[in-house]
Amino acid sequence: MTIFQRTIKQTIEVSGIGLHSGNNVMLRLLPAPVNTGIVFRRVDLNPVVEIKADPHLVRETTLCTGLVSDEGVRVQTIEHLMAAISSFGIDNLYVELNSSEVPVMDGSSAAFVILFQDAGLVLQEMPKQFFRITKKVRVEEGDKFAELSPIEGNKFNLDFTINFDHPVFSKELSHFNMDLTTNNFVEQLSRCRTFGFLKDIEYLQQNGLCRGGSLANAIVLDENRIVNEEGLRYNNEFVRHKMLDAIGDLFLCGHNLIGSYTAYKSGHHLNNLLVRKLLAEQAFEVVTFETQDAKEKVESQEAIITKTFA
């Protein structure tokens, strides 16, 4: 069966708080033509500035993944949205913002999943291109590492381990492995929230950052426990969220991957270095899955999408 490029069926929008500014942000998602990729638009600027999702435009990786255009225009905190885009197999999309950051919503990808389910997906009459990993690429920083390697079959497997010196983080809950599919993402990762330590958040807010951060959009830990009264959504929500972040960061290569991703204590910086190294070393081949009767296949796949995501 031919696998085609995807975009959304209709424009949809939502508003939320910016993690760093604390300002209200309007996010608008629009269908885009084939081979467009993911393009962010700062519509609060005149003229409007477009910034393509590109690993070489990543300039901020400390508290989020942020893009900066050649003109110095920023779009920050893109990783949770990018993770949802990747996991829904969306290739082409315009993302309009009236601020410098994607709204943080509840600190996970759950709101973006709902947006895509409401907007619906449509197949476009152009074969989808995947990057199949052909040789191992690895980046390291101290004891941290992230790597991509070939895998048997046509899947993308992720294996992530975290290690924090804190009473809440037990060894048995610090590892997670999953094959990435839309359903797996929705059911196992999309609701997993970002997290931080109370002492760090207080310092950041005193220095003009994380102004929109709260218990409504993050898991917060003090020296001994989780501060949020409702607790965790999964007993290993922390490592699941780190995997969610990685999916968004890796999709900046512009294509869904076929291969294996393994990481230990990785974050936005190492993930970005890994994508850049993947491209620099051309450690992949571009593959498509094509058959005849393209129009018929588009219609049949659209029926499947409508049934699955309605």
C-alpha atoms as a PDB file:
ATOM      1  CA  MET A   1       0.000   0.000   0.000  1.00  0.00           C
ATOM      2  CA  THR A   2       1.262   3.448  -0.874  1.00  0.00           C
ATOM      3  CA  ILE A   3       1.833   5.678   2.147  1.00  0.00           C
ATOM      4  CA  PHE A   4       0.975   9.292   1.335  1.00  0.00           C
ATOM      5  CA  GLN A   5       1.852  12.628   2.858  1.00  0.00           C
ATOM      6  CA  ARG A   6      -0.638  14.057   5.340  1.00  0.00           C
ATOM      7  CA  THR A   7      -1.941  17.399   6.434  1.00  0.00           C
ATOM      8  CA  ILE A   8      -5.024  18.392   8.424  1.00  0.00           C
ATOM      9  CA  LYS A   9      -8.485  18.690   6.880  1.00  0.00           C
ATOM     10  CA  GLN A  10      -9.429  22.058   8.334  1.00  0.00           C
ATOM     11  CA  THR A  11      -8.006  25.002  10.224  1.00  0.00           C
ATOM     12  CA  ILE A  12      -8.267  24.813  13.998  1.00  0.00           C
ATOM     13  CA  GLU A  13      -7.080  27.035  16.829  1.00  0.00           C
ATOM     14  CA  VAL A  14      -6.594  27.140  20.578  1.00  0.00           C
ATOM     15  CA  SER A  15      -5.249  29.584  23.139  1.00  0.00           C
ATOM     16  CA  GLY A  16      -3.092  28.999  26.178  1.00  0.00           C
ATOM     17  CA  ILE A  17      -0.361  30.383  28.395  1.00  0.00           C
ATOM     18  CA  GLY A  18       3.218  30.803  27.224  1.00  0.00           C
ATOM     19  CA  LEU A  19       5.562  28.947  29.554  1.00  0.00           C
ATOM     20  CA  HIS A  20       8.217  31.656  29.700  1.00  0.00           C
ATOM     21  CA  SER A  21       6.326  34.893  29.033  1.00  0.00           C
ATOM     22  CA  GLY A  22       3.182  34.032  30.978  1.00  0.00           C
ATOM     23  CA  ASN A  23       1.238  35.756  28.196  1.00  0.00           C
ATOM     24  CA  ASN A  24      -1.878  34.402  26.539  1.00  0.00           C
ATOM     25  CA  VAL A  25      -0.947  32.864  23.171  1.00  0.00           C
ATOM     26  CA  MET A  26      -3.186  32.070  20.213  1.00  0.00           C
ATOM     27  CA  LEU A  27      -2.151  28.990  18.219  1.00  0.00           C
ATOM     28  CA  ARG A  28      -3.691  28.345  14.824  1.00  0.00           C
ATOM     29  CA  LEU A  29      -3.028  25.205  12.743  1.00  0.00           C
ATOM     30  CA  LEU A  30      -3.675  25.284   8.987  1.00  0.00           C
ATOM     31  CA  PRO A  31      -3.433  22.726   6.159  1.00  0.00           C
ATOM     32  CA  ALA A  32      -0.351  23.045   3.938  1.00  0.00           C
ATOM     33  CA  PRO A  33       0.463  21.791   0.412  1.00  0.00           C
ATOM     34  CA  VAL A  34       2.635  18.754  -0.293  1.00  0.00           C
ATOM     35  CA  ASN A  35       6.363  19.064   0.432  1.00  0.00           C
ATOM     36  CA  THR A  36       5.825  22.144   2.620  1.00  0.00           C
ATOM     37  CA  GLY A  37       7.043  20.564   5.845  1.00  0.00           C
ATOM     38  CA  ILE A  38       6.228  22.157   9.195  1.00  0.00           C
ATOM     39  CA  VAL A  39       6.348  25.960   9.027  1.00  0.00           C
ATOM     40  CA  PHE A  40       5.851  28.314  11.977  1.00  0.00           C
ATOM     41  CA  ARG A  41       4.422  31.769  11.262  1.00  0.00           C
ATOM     42  CA  ARG A  42       4.769  34.722  13.643  1.00  0.00           C
ATOM     43  CA  VAL A  43       1.583  36.551  12.667  1.00  0.00           C
ATOM     44  CA  ASP A  44       2.074  39.180  15.383  1.00  0.00           C
ATOM     45  CA  LEU A  45       4.891  40.663  13.309  1.00  0.00           C
ATOM     46  CA  ASN A  46       4.586  42.878  10.246  1.00  0.00           C
ATOM     47  CA  PRO A  47       5.492  41.471   7.829  1.00  0.00           C
ATOM     48  CA  VAL A  48       4.711  37.941   9.013  1.00  0.00           C
ATOM     49  CA  VAL A  49       7.878  35.905   9.571  1.00  0.00           C
ATOM     50  CA  GLU A  50       7.996  32.236   8.591  1.00  0.00           C
ATOM     51  CA  ILE A  51      10.396  29.837  10.310  1.00  0.00           C
ATOM     52  CA  LYS A  52      10.676  26.293   9.007  1.00  0.00           C
ATOM     53  CA  ALA A  53      11.135  23.466  11.491  1.00  0.00           C
ATOM     54  CA  ASP A  54      14.832  22.823  10.887  1.00  0.00           C
ATOM     55  CA  PRO A  55      17.429  21.401  13.308  1.00  0.00           C
ATOM     56  CA  HIS A  56      19.984  23.971  12.154  1.00  0.00           C
ATOM     57  CA  LEU A  57      17.710  26.797  13.323  1.00  0.00           C
ATOM     58  CA  VAL A  58      17.573  25.467  16.895  1.00  0.00           C
ATOM     59  CA  ARG A  59      19.229  28.072  19.130  1.00  0.00           C
ATOM     60  CA  GLU A  60      17.560  27.336  22.473  1.00  0.00           C
ATOM     61  CA  THR A  61      17.754  23.974  24.239  1.00  0.00           C
ATOM     62  CA  THR A  62      18.071  24.875  27.937  1.00  0.00           C
ATOM     63  CA  LEU A  63      14.430  24.788  29.003  1.00  0.00           C
ATOM     64  CA  CYS A  64      12.786  23.915  25.710  1.00  0.00           C
ATOM     65  CA  THR A  65      13.511  23.560  22.020  1.00  0.00           C
ATOM     66  CA  GLY A  66      13.472  26.943  20.306  1.00  0.00           C
ATOM     67  CA  LEU A  67      13.978  28.057  16.705  1.00  0.00           C
ATOM     68  CA  VAL A  68      15.529  31.351  15.667  1.00  0.00           C
ATOM     69  CA  SER A  69      15.237  32.661  12.106  1.00  0.00           C
ATOM     70  CA  ASP A  70      18.061  34.365  10.236  1.00  0.00           C
ATOM     71  CA  GLU A  71      16.408  37.665  11.201  1.00  0.00           C
ATOM     72  CA  GLY A  72      16.556  36.760  14.877  1.00  0.00           C
ATOM     73  CA  VAL A  73      12.843  35.980  15.262  1.00  0.00           C
ATOM     74  CA  ARG A  74      12.116  33.245  17.818  1.00  0.00           C
ATOM     75  CA  VAL A  75       9.604  30.439  18.231  1.00  0.00           C
ATOM     76  CA  GLN A  76      10.099  28.520  21.467  1.00  0.00           C
ATOM     77  CA  THR A  77       8.714  25.481  23.272  1.00  0.00           C
ATOM     78  CA  ILE A  78       7.865  23.648  20.058  1.00  0.00           C
ATOM     79  CA  GLU A  79       8.708  20.111  21.218  1.00  0.00           C
ATOM     80  CA  HIS A  80       5.317  18.956  22.571  1.00  0.00           C
ATOM     81  CA  LEU A  81       3.512  20.120  19.436  1.00  0.00           C
ATOM     82  CA  MET A  82       6.201  18.624  17.201  1.00  0.00           C
ATOM     83  CA  ALA A  83       5.851  15.293  19.020  1.00  0.00           C
ATOM     84  CA  ALA A  84       2.124  15.192  18.270  1.00  0.00           C
ATOM     85  CA  ILE A  85       2.690  16.227  14.640  1.00  0.00           C
ATOM     86  CA  SER A  86       5.260  13.469  14.200  1.00  0.00           C
ATOM     87  CA  SER A  87       3.143  10.814  15.875  1.00  0.00           C
ATOM     88  CA  PHE A  88       0.111  11.590  13.740  1.00  0.00           C
ATOM     89  CA  GLY A  89       2.271  11.257  10.638  1.00  0.00           C
ATOM     90  CA  ILE A  90       1.603  14.843   9.572  1.00  0.00           C
ATOM     91  CA  ASP A  91       4.101  16.035   6.967  1.00  0.00           C
ATOM     92  CA  ASN A  92       2.777  19.458   6.010  1.00  0.00           C
ATOM     93  CA  LEU A  93       1.387  22.083   8.353  1.00  0.00           C
ATOM     94  CA  TYR A  94       1.352  25.824   8.983  1.00  0.00           C
ATOM     95  CA  VAL A  95       1.557  26.799  12.648  1.00  0.00           C
ATOM     96  CA  GLU A  96       0.497  30.403  13.301  1.00  0.00           C
ATOM     97  CA  LEU A  97       1.366  32.129  16.576  1.00  0.00           C
ATOM     98  CA  ASN A  98       0.811  35.647  17.905  1.00  0.00           C
ATOM     99  CA  SER A  99       3.744  35.270  20.299  1.00  0.00           C
ATOM    100  CA  SER A 100       7.259  33.884  20.485  1.00  0.00           C
ATOM    101  CA  GLU A 101       6.249  30.530  21.960  1.00  0.00           C
ATOM    102  CA  VAL A 102       3.825  27.679  21.535  1.00  0.00           C
ATOM    103  CA  PRO A 103       1.362  27.617  24.453  1.00  0.00           C
ATOM    104  CA  VAL A 104       2.386  25.079  27.082  1.00  0.00           C
ATOM    105  CA  MET A 105      -1.217  23.892  27.685  1.00  0.00           C
ATOM    106  CA  ASP A 106      -1.045  21.277  30.490  1.00  0.00           C
ATOM    107  CA  GLY A 107       2.660  20.562  29.919  1.00  0.00           C
ATOM    108  CA  SER A 108       2.016  17.571  27.674  1.00  0.00           C
ATOM    109  CA  SER A 109       0.858  16.888  24.098  1.00  0.00           C
ATOM    110  CA  ALA A 110      -2.715  16.007  25.083  1.00  0.00           C
ATOM    111  CA  ALA A 111      -4.292  19.264  23.867  1.00  0.00           C
ATOM    112  CA  PHE A 112      -2.577  18.971  20.483  1.00  0.00           C
ATOM    113  CA  VAL A 113      -3.821  15.403  20.099  1.00  0.00           C
ATOM    114  CA  ILE A 114      -7.373  16.680  20.599  1.00  0.00           C
ATOM    115  CA  LEU A 115      -6.783  19.433  18.034  1.00  0.00           C
ATOM    116  CA  PHE A 116      -5.657  16.939  15.392  1.00  0.00           C
ATOM    117  CA  GLN A 117      -8.543  14.613  16.174  1.00  0.00           C
ATOM    118  CA  ASP A 118     -10.982  17.522  15.809  1.00  0.00           C
ATOM    119  CA  ALA A 119      -9.357  18.903  12.657  1.00  0.00           C
ATOM    120  CA  GLY A 120      -9.110  15.496  10.996  1.00  0.00           C
ATOM    121  CA  LEU A 121      -6.358  14.294   8.688  1.00  0.00           C
ATOM    122  CA  VAL A 122      -6.291  14.217   4.915  1.00  0.00           C
ATOM    123  CA  LEU A 123      -3.962  12.312   2.627  1.00  0.00           C
ATOM    124  CA  GLN A 124      -2.233  14.177  -0.169  1.00  0.00           C
ATOM    125  CA  GLU A 125      -1.398  12.670  -3.531  1.00  0.00           C
ATOM    126  CA  MET A 126       2.340  12.562  -2.965  1.00  0.00           C
ATOM    127  CA  PRO A 127       4.223   9.607  -1.464  1.00  0.00           C
ATOM    128  CA  LYS A 128       5.504  10.150   2.065  1.00  0.00           C
ATOM    129  CA  GLN A 129       9.280  10.012   2.507  1.00  0.00           C
ATOM    130  CA  PHE A 130      10.788   8.293   5.519  1.00  0.00           C
ATOM    131  CA  PHE A 131      14.374   8.378   6.736  1.00  0.00           C
ATOM    132  CA  ARG A 132      15.567   4.817   7.272  1.00  0.00           C
ATOM    133  CA  ILE A 133      18.638   4.768   9.523  1.00  0.00           C
ATOM    134  CA  THR A 134      21.487   2.950   7.728  1.00  0.00           C
ATOM    135  CA  LYS A 135      24.317   3.248  10.248  1.00  0.00           C
ATOM    136  CA  LYS A 136      24.709   4.085  13.910  1.00  0.00           C
ATOM    137  CA  VAL A 137      25.166   7.726  14.905  1.00  0.00           C
ATOM    138  CA  ARG A 138      25.838   8.674  18.514  1.00  0.00           C
ATOM    139  CA  VAL A 139      26.438  11.839  20.524  1.00  0.00           C
ATOM    140  CA  GLU A 140      27.725  12.003  24.088  1.00  0.00           C
ATOM    141  CA  GLU A 141      28.163  14.579  26.831  1.00  0.00           C
ATOM    142  CA  GLY A 142      29.723  13.254  30.026  1.00  0.00           C
ATOM    143  CA  ASP A 143      27.733  10.149  30.955  1.00  0.00           C
ATOM    144  CA  LYS A 144      24.777  11.240  28.813  1.00  0.00           C
ATOM    145  CA  PHE A 145      24.249   9.881  25.313  1.00  0.00           C
ATOM    146  CA  ALA A 146      21.736   9.555  22.477  1.00  0.00           C
ATOM    147  CA  GLU A 147      22.033   7.384  19.399  1.00  0.00           C
ATOM    148  CA  LEU A 148      20.160   6.256  16.323  1.00  0.00           C
ATOM    149  CA  SER A 149      20.800   2.867  14.757  1.00  0.00           C
ATOM    150  CA  PRO A 150      19.319   0.576  12.077  1.00  0.00           C
ATOM    151  CA  ILE A 151      16.503  -1.798  12.959  1.00  0.00           C
ATOM    152  CA  GLU A 152      14.825  -4.796  11.348  1.00  0.00           C
ATOM    153  CA  GLY A 153      11.452  -4.082   9.830  1.00  0.00           C
ATOM    154  CA  ASN A 154       9.700  -0.776   9.171  1.00  0.00           C
ATOM    155  CA  LYS A 155       9.249   0.692  12.631  1.00  0.00           C
ATOM    156  CA  PHE A 156      10.654   3.327  14.964  1.00  0.00           C
ATOM    157  CA  ASN A 157      11.577   2.083  18.414  1.00  0.00           C
ATOM    158  CA  LEU A 158      12.547   4.319  21.326  1.00  0.00           C
ATOM    159  CA  ASP A 159      14.396   3.258  24.467  1.00  0.00           C
ATOM    160  CA  PHE A 160      14.944   5.942  27.119  1.00  0.00           C
ATOM    161  CA  THR A 161      16.513   5.919  30.581  1.00  0.00           C
ATOM    162  CA  ILE A 162      16.642   8.807  33.064  1.00  0.00           C
ATOM    163  CA  ASN A 163      18.654   9.113  36.275  1.00  0.00           C
ATOM    164  CA  PHE A 164      17.854  11.787  38.871  1.00  0.00           C
ATOM    165  CA  ASP A 165      19.197  11.937  42.420  1.00  0.00           C
ATOM    166  CA  HIS A 166      15.836  12.413  44.111  1.00  0.00           C
ATOM    167  CA  PRO A 167      13.680  10.166  46.347  1.00  0.00           C
ATOM    168  CA  VAL A 168      10.824  10.073  43.817  1.00  0.00           C
ATOM    169  CA  PHE A 169      12.918   8.561  41.007  1.00  0.00           C
ATOM    170  CA  SER A 170      13.295   4.823  41.464  1.00  0.00           C
ATOM    171  CA  LYS A 171      15.468   2.782  39.104  1.00  0.00           C
ATOM    172  CA  GLU A 172      12.628   0.508  37.994  1.00  0.00           C
ATOM    173  CA  LEU A 173      10.521   3.517  36.959  1.00  0.00           C
ATOM    174  CA  SER A 174      13.310   5.320  35.106  1.00  0.00           C
ATOM    175  CA  HIS A 175      13.290   3.285  31.890  1.00  0.00           C
ATOM    176  CA  PHE A 176      10.738   3.020  29.079  1.00  0.00           C
ATOM    177  CA  ASN A 177      10.701   1.292  25.674  1.00  0.00           C
ATOM    178  CA  MET A 178       8.072   1.724  22.981  1.00  0.00           C
ATOM    179  CA  ASP A 179       7.457   1.385  19.246  1.00  0.00           C
ATOM    180  CA  LEU A 180       6.088   4.678  17.970  1.00  0.00           C
ATOM    181  CA  THR A 181       2.628   4.443  16.434  1.00  0.00           C
ATOM    182  CA  THR A 182      -0.171   6.973  16.592  1.00  0.00           C
ATOM    183  CA  ASN A 183      -2.171   4.858  19.016  1.00  0.00           C
ATOM    184  CA  ASN A 184       0.840   4.143  21.235  1.00  0.00           C
ATOM    185  CA  PHE A 185       1.628   7.840  21.378  1.00  0.00           C
ATOM    186  CA  VAL A 186      -1.938   8.832  22.219  1.00  0.00           C
ATOM    187  CA  GLU A 187      -2.407   6.142  24.860  1.00  0.00           C
ATOM    188  CA  GLN A 188       1.051   5.931  26.419  1.00  0.00           C
ATOM    189  CA  LEU A 189       2.847   9.262  25.968  1.00  0.00           C
ATOM    190  CA  SER A 190       0.628  12.169  24.973  1.00  0.00           C
ATOM    191  CA  ARG A 191      -0.661  12.956  28.506  1.00  0.00           C
ATOM    192  CA  CYS A 192       2.773  12.840  30.155  1.00  0.00           C
ATOM    193  CA  ARG A 193       3.684  16.256  31.546  1.00  0.00           C
ATOM    194  CA  THR A 194       6.906  18.163  31.802  1.00  0.00           C
ATOM    195  CA  PHE A 195       8.437  18.343  35.260  1.00  0.00           C
ATOM    196  CA  GLY A 196      10.761  20.513  37.291  1.00  0.00           C
ATOM    197  CA  PHE A 197      12.162  21.117  40.741  1.00  0.00           C
ATOM    198  CA  LEU A 198      10.650  23.804  42.956  1.00  0.00           C
ATOM    199  CA  LYS A 199      14.011  25.381  43.798  1.00  0.00           C
ATOM    200  CA  ASP A 200      14.855  25.725  40.097  1.00  0.00           C
ATOM    201  CA  ILE A 201      11.455  27.145  39.150  1.00  0.00           C
ATOM    202  CA  GLU A 202      11.658  29.809  41.859  1.00  0.00           C
ATOM    203  CA  TYR A 203      15.105  30.851  40.622  1.00  0.00           C
ATOM    204  CA  LEU A 204      13.978  30.959  36.991  1.00  0.00           C
ATOM    205  CA  GLN A 205      10.911  33.061  37.773  1.00  0.00           C
ATOM    206  CA  GLN A 206      13.034  35.500  39.772  1.00  0.00           C
ATOM    207  CA  ASN A 207      15.143  35.910  36.628  1.00  0.00           C
ATOM    208  CA  GLY A 208      12.241  36.537  34.272  1.00  0.00           C
ATOM    209  CA  LEU A 209      11.832  32.983  32.955  1.00  0.00           C
ATOM    210  CA  CYS A 210       9.144  30.334  33.384  1.00  0.00           C
ATOM    211  CA  ARG A 211       6.592  33.048  34.255  1.00  0.00           C
ATOM    212  CA  GLY A 212       3.776  30.859  32.958  1.00  0.00           C
ATOM    213  CA  GLY A 213       4.892  27.755  34.817  1.00  0.00           C
ATOM    214  CA  SER A 214       2.507  26.396  37.440  1.00  0.00           C
ATOM    215  CA  LEU A 215       1.080  23.207  38.902  1.00  0.00           C
ATOM    216  CA  ALA A 216      -1.484  23.363  36.093  1.00  0.00           C
ATOM    217  CA  ASN A 217       1.148  22.736  33.423  1.00  0.00           C
ATOM    218  CA  ALA A 218       3.990  20.855  35.114  1.00  0.00           C
ATOM    219  CA  ILE A 219       4.804  18.238  37.702  1.00  0.00           C
ATOM    220  CA  VAL A 220       6.686  20.061  40.445  1.00  0.00           C
ATOM    221  CA  LEU A 221       8.958  18.363  42.970  1.00  0.00           C
ATOM    222  CA  ASP A 222      10.310  19.785  46.206  1.00  0.00           C
ATOM    223  CA  GLU A 223      13.260  18.180  47.971  1.00  0.00           C
ATOM    224  CA  ASN A 224      11.328  15.051  48.925  1.00  0.00           C
ATOM    225  CA  ARG A 225       8.070  14.645  47.054  1.00  0.00           C
ATOM    226  CA  ILE A 226       5.702  15.585  44.255  1.00  0.00           C
ATOM    227  CA  VAL A 227       3.919  18.843  45.085  1.00  0.00           C
ATOM    228  CA  ASN A 228       0.922  18.315  42.747  1.00  0.00           C
ATOM    229  CA  GLU A 229      -2.019  17.060  44.797  1.00  0.00           C
ATOM    230  CA  GLU A 230      -3.285  14.782  42.019  1.00  0.00           C
ATOM    231  CA  GLY A 231       0.085  13.012  41.734  1.00  0.00           C
ATOM    232  CA  LEU A 232       1.227  11.278  38.560  1.00  0.00           C
ATOM    233  CA  ARG A 233      -0.793  10.123  35.565  1.00  0.00           C
ATOM    234  CA  TYR A 234       1.576   7.140  35.155  1.00  0.00           C
ATOM    235  CA  ASN A 235       3.967   5.793  37.759  1.00  0.00           C
ATOM    236  CA  ASN A 236       6.807   6.387  35.264  1.00  0.00           C
ATOM    237  CA  GLU A 237       5.440   9.640  33.814  1.00  0.00           C
ATOM    238  CA  PHE A 238       8.840  11.327  34.050  1.00  0.00           C
ATOM    239  CA  VAL A 239      10.692   9.051  31.629  1.00  0.00           C
ATOM    240  CA  ARG A 240       7.655   8.882  29.349  1.00  0.00           C
ATOM    241  CA  HIS A 241       7.702  12.665  29.079  1.00  0.00           C
ATOM    242  CA  LYS A 242      11.401  12.643  28.206  1.00  0.00           C
ATOM    243  CA  MET A 243      10.579  10.214  25.401  1.00  0.00           C
ATOM    244  CA  LEU A 244       7.788  12.536  24.238  1.00  0.00           C
ATOM    245  CA  ASP A 245      10.291  15.406  24.107  1.00  0.00           C
ATOM    246  CA  ALA A 246      12.705  13.285  22.090  1.00  0.00           C
ATOM    247  CA  ILE A 247      10.061  12.436  19.491  1.00  0.00           C
ATOM    248  CA  GLY A 248       9.423  16.150  18.959  1.00  0.00           C
ATOM    249  CA  ASP A 249      13.123  17.004  18.824  1.00  0.00           C
ATOM    250  CA  LEU A 250      13.944  14.224  16.359  1.00  0.00           C
ATOM    251  CA  PHE A 251      11.122  15.214  14.004  1.00  0.00           C
ATOM    252  CA  LEU A 252      13.027  18.413  13.262  1.00  0.00           C
ATOM    253  CA  CYS A 253      14.862  16.316  10.653  1.00  0.00           C
ATOM    254  CA  GLY A 254      11.649  16.759   8.646  1.00  0.00           C
ATOM    255  CA  HIS A 255      10.746  13.089   8.266  1.00  0.00           C
ATOM    256  CA  ASN A 256       9.435  10.190  10.295  1.00  0.00           C
ATOM    257  CA  LEU A 257      12.249   7.780  11.111  1.00  0.00           C
ATOM    258  CA  ILE A 258      12.637   4.044  10.613  1.00  0.00           C
ATOM    259  CA  GLY A 259      15.203   2.823  13.101  1.00  0.00           C
ATOM    260  CA  SER A 260      16.034   2.662  16.783  1.00  0.00           C
ATOM    261  CA  TYR A 261      16.622   5.548  19.204  1.00  0.00           C
ATOM    262  CA  THR A 262      18.393   4.838  22.483  1.00  0.00           C
ATOM    263  CA  ALA A 263      19.146   7.496  25.088  1.00  0.00           C
ATOM    264  CA  TYR A 264      20.474   7.863  28.602  1.00  0.00           C
ATOM    265  CA  LYS A 265      19.808  11.175  30.396  1.00  0.00           C
ATOM    266  CA  SER A 266      19.415  12.911  27.037  1.00  0.00           C
ATOM    267  CA  GLY A 267      17.667  16.241  26.609  1.00  0.00           C
ATOM    268  CA  HIS A 268      16.911  18.848  23.956  1.00  0.00           C
ATOM    269  CA  HIS A 269      20.574  19.726  23.402  1.00  0.00           C
ATOM    270  CA  LEU A 270      21.808  16.186  22.787  1.00  0.00           C
ATOM    271  CA  ASN A 271      18.741  15.349  20.703  1.00  0.00           C
ATOM    272  CA  ASN A 272      19.455  18.311  18.452  1.00  0.00           C
ATOM    273  CA  LEU A 273      23.115  17.382  18.133  1.00  0.00           C
ATOM    274  CA  LEU A 274      22.029  13.861  17.177  1.00  0.00           C
ATOM    275  CA  VAL A 275      19.730  15.088  14.398  1.00  0.00           C
ATOM    276  CA  ARG A 276      22.443  17.380  13.058  1.00  0.00           C
ATOM    277  CA  LYS A 277      24.943  14.509  13.070  1.00  0.00           C
ATOM    278  CA  LEU A 278      22.439  12.214  11.351  1.00  0.00           C
ATOM    279  CA  LEU A 279      22.091  14.736   8.527  1.00  0.00           C
ATOM    280  CA  ALA A 280      25.787  15.631   8.348  1.00  0.00           C
ATOM    281  CA  GLU A 281      26.859  11.990   8.086  1.00  0.00           C
ATOM    282  CA  GLN A 282      23.921  11.082   5.817  1.00  0.00           C
ATOM    283  CA  ALA A 283      23.365   7.998   7.967  1.00  0.00           C
ATOM    284  CA  PHE A 284      19.998   7.319   6.358  1.00  0.00           C
ATOM    285  CA  GLU A 285      18.313   6.505   3.097  1.00  0.00           C
ATOM    286  CA  VAL A 286      15.099   8.085   1.863  1.00  0.00           C
ATOM    287  CA  VAL A 287      12.399   5.455   1.370  1.00  0.00           C
ATOM    288  CA  THR A 288       8.805   5.527   0.172  1.00  0.00           C
ATOM    289  CA  PHE A 289       6.136   2.856   0.088  1.00  0.00           C
ATOM    290  CA  GLU A 290       4.371   3.002  -3.258  1.00  0.00           C
ATOM    291  CA  THR A 291       1.890   0.945  -5.282  1.00  0.00           C
ATOM    292  CA  GLN A 292      -0.379   1.635  -8.237  1.00  0.00           C
ATOM    293  CA  ASP A 293      -3.884   3.127  -8.117  1.00  0.00           C
ATOM    294  CA  ALA A 294      -2.802   6.098  -6.012  1.00  0.00           C
ATOM    295  CA  LYS A 295      -6.179   7.838  -5.980  1.00  0.00           C
ATOM    296  CA  GLU A 296      -7.971   4.682  -4.818  1.00  0.00           C
ATOM    297  CA  LYS A 297      -5.405   4.182  -2.070  1.00  0.00           C
ATOM    298  CA  VAL A 298      -5.779   7.788  -0.907  1.00  0.00           C
ATOM    299  CA  GLU A 299      -9.521   7.303  -0.523  1.00  0.00           C
ATOM    300  CA  SER A 300      -9.142   4.010   1.345  1.00  0.00           C
ATOM    301  CA  GLN A 301      -6.554   5.431   3.743  1.00  0.00           C
ATOM    302  CA  GLU A 302      -8.720   8.499   4.373  1.00  0.00           C
ATOM    303  CA  ALA A 303     -11.529   6.159   5.419  1.00  0.00           C
ATOM    304  CA  ILE A 304      -9.190   4.418   7.858  1.00  0.00           C
ATOM    305  CA  ILE A 305      -8.000   7.741   9.287  1.00  0.00           C
ATOM    306  CA  THR A 306     -11.571   8.990   9.741  1.00  0.00           C
ATOM    307  CA  LYS A 307     -12.529   5.805  11.584  1.00  0.00           C
ATOM    308  CA  THR A 308      -9.428   5.821  13.790  1.00  0.00           C
ATOM    309  CA  PHE A 309      -9.303   9.482  14.808  1.00  0.00           C
ATOM    310  CA  ALA A 310     -12.939  10.563  14.746  1.00  0.00           C
END
